[in-house]
Amino acid sequence: MNIFIVVSFVMANAMALDRPLYIFKQPSFETQDQCNQYVSVMHQRIYTQASASYNFKYTPEAIFCLPTDKVKEIFKYNYEDDKPKQNI
């Protein structure tokens, strides 16, 4: 199973469910522990790269290490317009 790094961003409306996200294609990891260790060392670089992808418009909120199935759920939630949205 692959584990991916996902960065969420702070929204002006704290009650907003839909937040901007940045999903890293690389690196990916074999285990949750490998991802967590990488994030603990590289968090500043991760935040900077994710922020740069939005031209520093948003402030990073958190870094998550998510398995492939959860990343797929995010894409389904955001890109399957024919189905009602649900909270993940």
C-alpha atoms as a PDB file:
ATOM      1  CA  MET A   1       0.000   0.000   0.000  1.00  0.00           C
ATOM      2  CA  ASN A   2       1.280   3.468  -0.859  1.00  0.00           C
ATOM      3  CA  ILE A   3       1.074   6.329   1.610  1.00  0.00           C
ATOM      4  CA  PHE A   4       0.917   9.910   0.299  1.00  0.00           C
ATOM      5  CA  ILE A   5       1.567  13.289   1.899  1.00  0.00           C
ATOM      6  CA  VAL A   6      -1.459  15.618   1.900  1.00  0.00           C
ATOM      7  CA  VAL A   7      -1.376  19.233   3.110  1.00  0.00           C
ATOM      8  CA  SER A   8      -4.548  21.062   4.143  1.00  0.00           C
ATOM      9  CA  PHE A   9      -4.848  24.839   4.318  1.00  0.00           C
ATOM     10  CA  VAL A  10      -6.514  27.290   6.700  1.00  0.00           C
ATOM     11  CA  MET A  11      -9.720  28.889   5.438  1.00  0.00           C
ATOM     12  CA  ALA A  12     -11.059  32.303   6.452  1.00  0.00           C
ATOM     13  CA  ASN A  13     -14.329  30.596   7.391  1.00  0.00           C
ATOM     14  CA  ALA A  14     -13.344  28.003   9.989  1.00  0.00           C
ATOM     15  CA  MET A  15     -16.673  26.222   9.466  1.00  0.00           C
ATOM     16  CA  ALA A  16     -15.963  25.572   5.763  1.00  0.00           C
ATOM     17  CA  LEU A  17     -15.822  21.843   5.026  1.00  0.00           C
ATOM     18  CA  ASP A  18     -14.084  22.137   1.681  1.00  0.00           C
ATOM     19  CA  ARG A  19     -10.497  23.191   2.185  1.00  0.00           C
ATOM     20  CA  PRO A  20      -7.759  23.564  -0.399  1.00  0.00           C
ATOM     21  CA  LEU A  21      -5.483  20.530  -0.401  1.00  0.00           C
ATOM     22  CA  TYR A  22      -2.145  19.701  -1.931  1.00  0.00           C
ATOM     23  CA  ILE A  23      -1.366  16.034  -2.562  1.00  0.00           C
ATOM     24  CA  PHE A  24       2.236  15.056  -3.206  1.00  0.00           C
ATOM     25  CA  LYS A  25       2.718  12.394  -5.886  1.00  0.00           C
ATOM     26  CA  GLN A  26       6.317  11.989  -4.769  1.00  0.00           C
ATOM     27  CA  PRO A  27       7.606  10.906  -2.412  1.00  0.00           C
ATOM     28  CA  SER A  28       5.245   8.099  -1.536  1.00  0.00           C
ATOM     29  CA  PHE A  29       5.897   5.547   1.174  1.00  0.00           C
ATOM     30  CA  GLU A  30       5.355   1.869   1.888  1.00  0.00           C
ATOM     31  CA  THR A  31       4.310   2.412   5.507  1.00  0.00           C
ATOM     32  CA  GLN A  32       2.651   5.041   7.667  1.00  0.00           C
ATOM     33  CA  ASP A  33       5.718   5.131   9.909  1.00  0.00           C
ATOM     34  CA  GLN A  34       8.052   5.929   6.990  1.00  0.00           C
ATOM     35  CA  CYS A  35       5.797   8.814   5.985  1.00  0.00           C
ATOM     36  CA  ASN A  36       5.531  10.122   9.546  1.00  0.00           C
ATOM     37  CA  GLN A  37       9.322  10.044   9.946  1.00  0.00           C
ATOM     38  CA  TYR A  38       9.829  11.889   6.653  1.00  0.00           C
ATOM     39  CA  VAL A  39       7.247  14.533   7.593  1.00  0.00           C
ATOM     40  CA  SER A  40       8.808  15.077  11.029  1.00  0.00           C
ATOM     41  CA  VAL A  41      12.116  15.985   9.359  1.00  0.00           C
ATOM     42  CA  MET A  42      10.891  17.693   6.171  1.00  0.00           C
ATOM     43  CA  HIS A  43       7.736  19.502   7.370  1.00  0.00           C
ATOM     44  CA  GLN A  44       9.023  22.995   6.565  1.00  0.00           C
ATOM     45  CA  ARG A  45       9.942  22.050   2.985  1.00  0.00           C
ATOM     46  CA  ILE A  46       6.585  20.260   2.584  1.00  0.00           C
ATOM     47  CA  TYR A  47       4.669  23.340   3.770  1.00  0.00           C
ATOM     48  CA  THR A  48       6.697  25.627   1.496  1.00  0.00           C
ATOM     49  CA  GLN A  49       6.163  23.494  -1.618  1.00  0.00           C
ATOM     50  CA  ALA A  50       2.438  23.111  -0.937  1.00  0.00           C
ATOM     51  CA  SER A  51       2.038  26.863  -0.268  1.00  0.00           C
ATOM     52  CA  ALA A  52       3.946  27.741  -3.420  1.00  0.00           C
ATOM     53  CA  SER A  53       1.478  25.656  -5.448  1.00  0.00           C
ATOM     54  CA  TYR A  54      -1.206  28.197  -4.418  1.00  0.00           C
ATOM     55  CA  ASN A  55       1.143  31.197  -4.898  1.00  0.00           C
ATOM     56  CA  PHE A  56       1.257  31.538  -1.096  1.00  0.00           C
ATOM     57  CA  LYS A  57      -2.408  32.589  -1.085  1.00  0.00           C
ATOM     58  CA  TYR A  58      -3.304  30.120   1.705  1.00  0.00           C
ATOM     59  CA  THR A  59      -1.642  29.252   5.002  1.00  0.00           C
ATOM     60  CA  PRO A  60      -0.879  25.569   5.547  1.00  0.00           C
ATOM     61  CA  GLU A  61      -2.827  23.995   8.381  1.00  0.00           C
ATOM     62  CA  ALA A  62      -1.718  20.379   8.682  1.00  0.00           C
ATOM     63  CA  ILE A  63       0.181  17.564   7.021  1.00  0.00           C
ATOM     64  CA  PHE A  64      -1.409  14.135   6.746  1.00  0.00           C
ATOM     65  CA  CYS A  65      -0.008  10.785   5.665  1.00  0.00           C
ATOM     66  CA  LEU A  66      -2.877   9.036   3.886  1.00  0.00           C
ATOM     67  CA  PRO A  67      -3.142   5.638   2.205  1.00  0.00           C
ATOM     68  CA  THR A  68      -4.106   5.327  -1.448  1.00  0.00           C
ATOM     69  CA  ASP A  69      -7.757   4.507  -0.722  1.00  0.00           C
ATOM     70  CA  LYS A  70      -8.230   7.713   1.292  1.00  0.00           C
ATOM     71  CA  VAL A  71      -6.594   9.808  -1.439  1.00  0.00           C
ATOM     72  CA  LYS A  72      -8.972   8.212  -3.958  1.00  0.00           C
ATOM     73  CA  GLU A  73     -11.900   9.175  -1.687  1.00  0.00           C
ATOM     74  CA  ILE A  74     -10.710  12.782  -1.757  1.00  0.00           C
ATOM     75  CA  PHE A  75     -10.657  12.749  -5.562  1.00  0.00           C
ATOM     76  CA  LYS A  76     -14.078  11.144  -5.748  1.00  0.00           C
ATOM     77  CA  TYR A  77     -15.466  13.726  -3.325  1.00  0.00           C
ATOM     78  CA  ASN A  78     -14.049  16.604  -5.338  1.00  0.00           C
ATOM     79  CA  TYR A  79     -14.529  15.400  -8.902  1.00  0.00           C
ATOM     80  CA  GLU A  80     -17.653  13.240  -9.074  1.00  0.00           C
ATOM     81  CA  ASP A  81     -20.237  15.986  -9.576  1.00  0.00           C
ATOM     82  CA  ASP A  82     -23.123  13.637 -10.307  1.00  0.00           C
ATOM     83  CA  LYS A  83     -23.220  12.355  -6.723  1.00  0.00           C
ATOM     84  CA  PRO A  84     -24.076  14.386  -3.604  1.00  0.00           C
ATOM     85  CA  LYS A  85     -21.037  15.398  -1.556  1.00  0.00           C
ATOM     86  CA  GLN A  86     -20.423  13.723   1.760  1.00  0.00           C
ATOM     87  CA  ASN A  87     -18.113  14.541   4.647  1.00  0.00           C
ATOM     88  CA  ILE A  88     -14.921  12.531   4.706  1.00  0.00           C
END
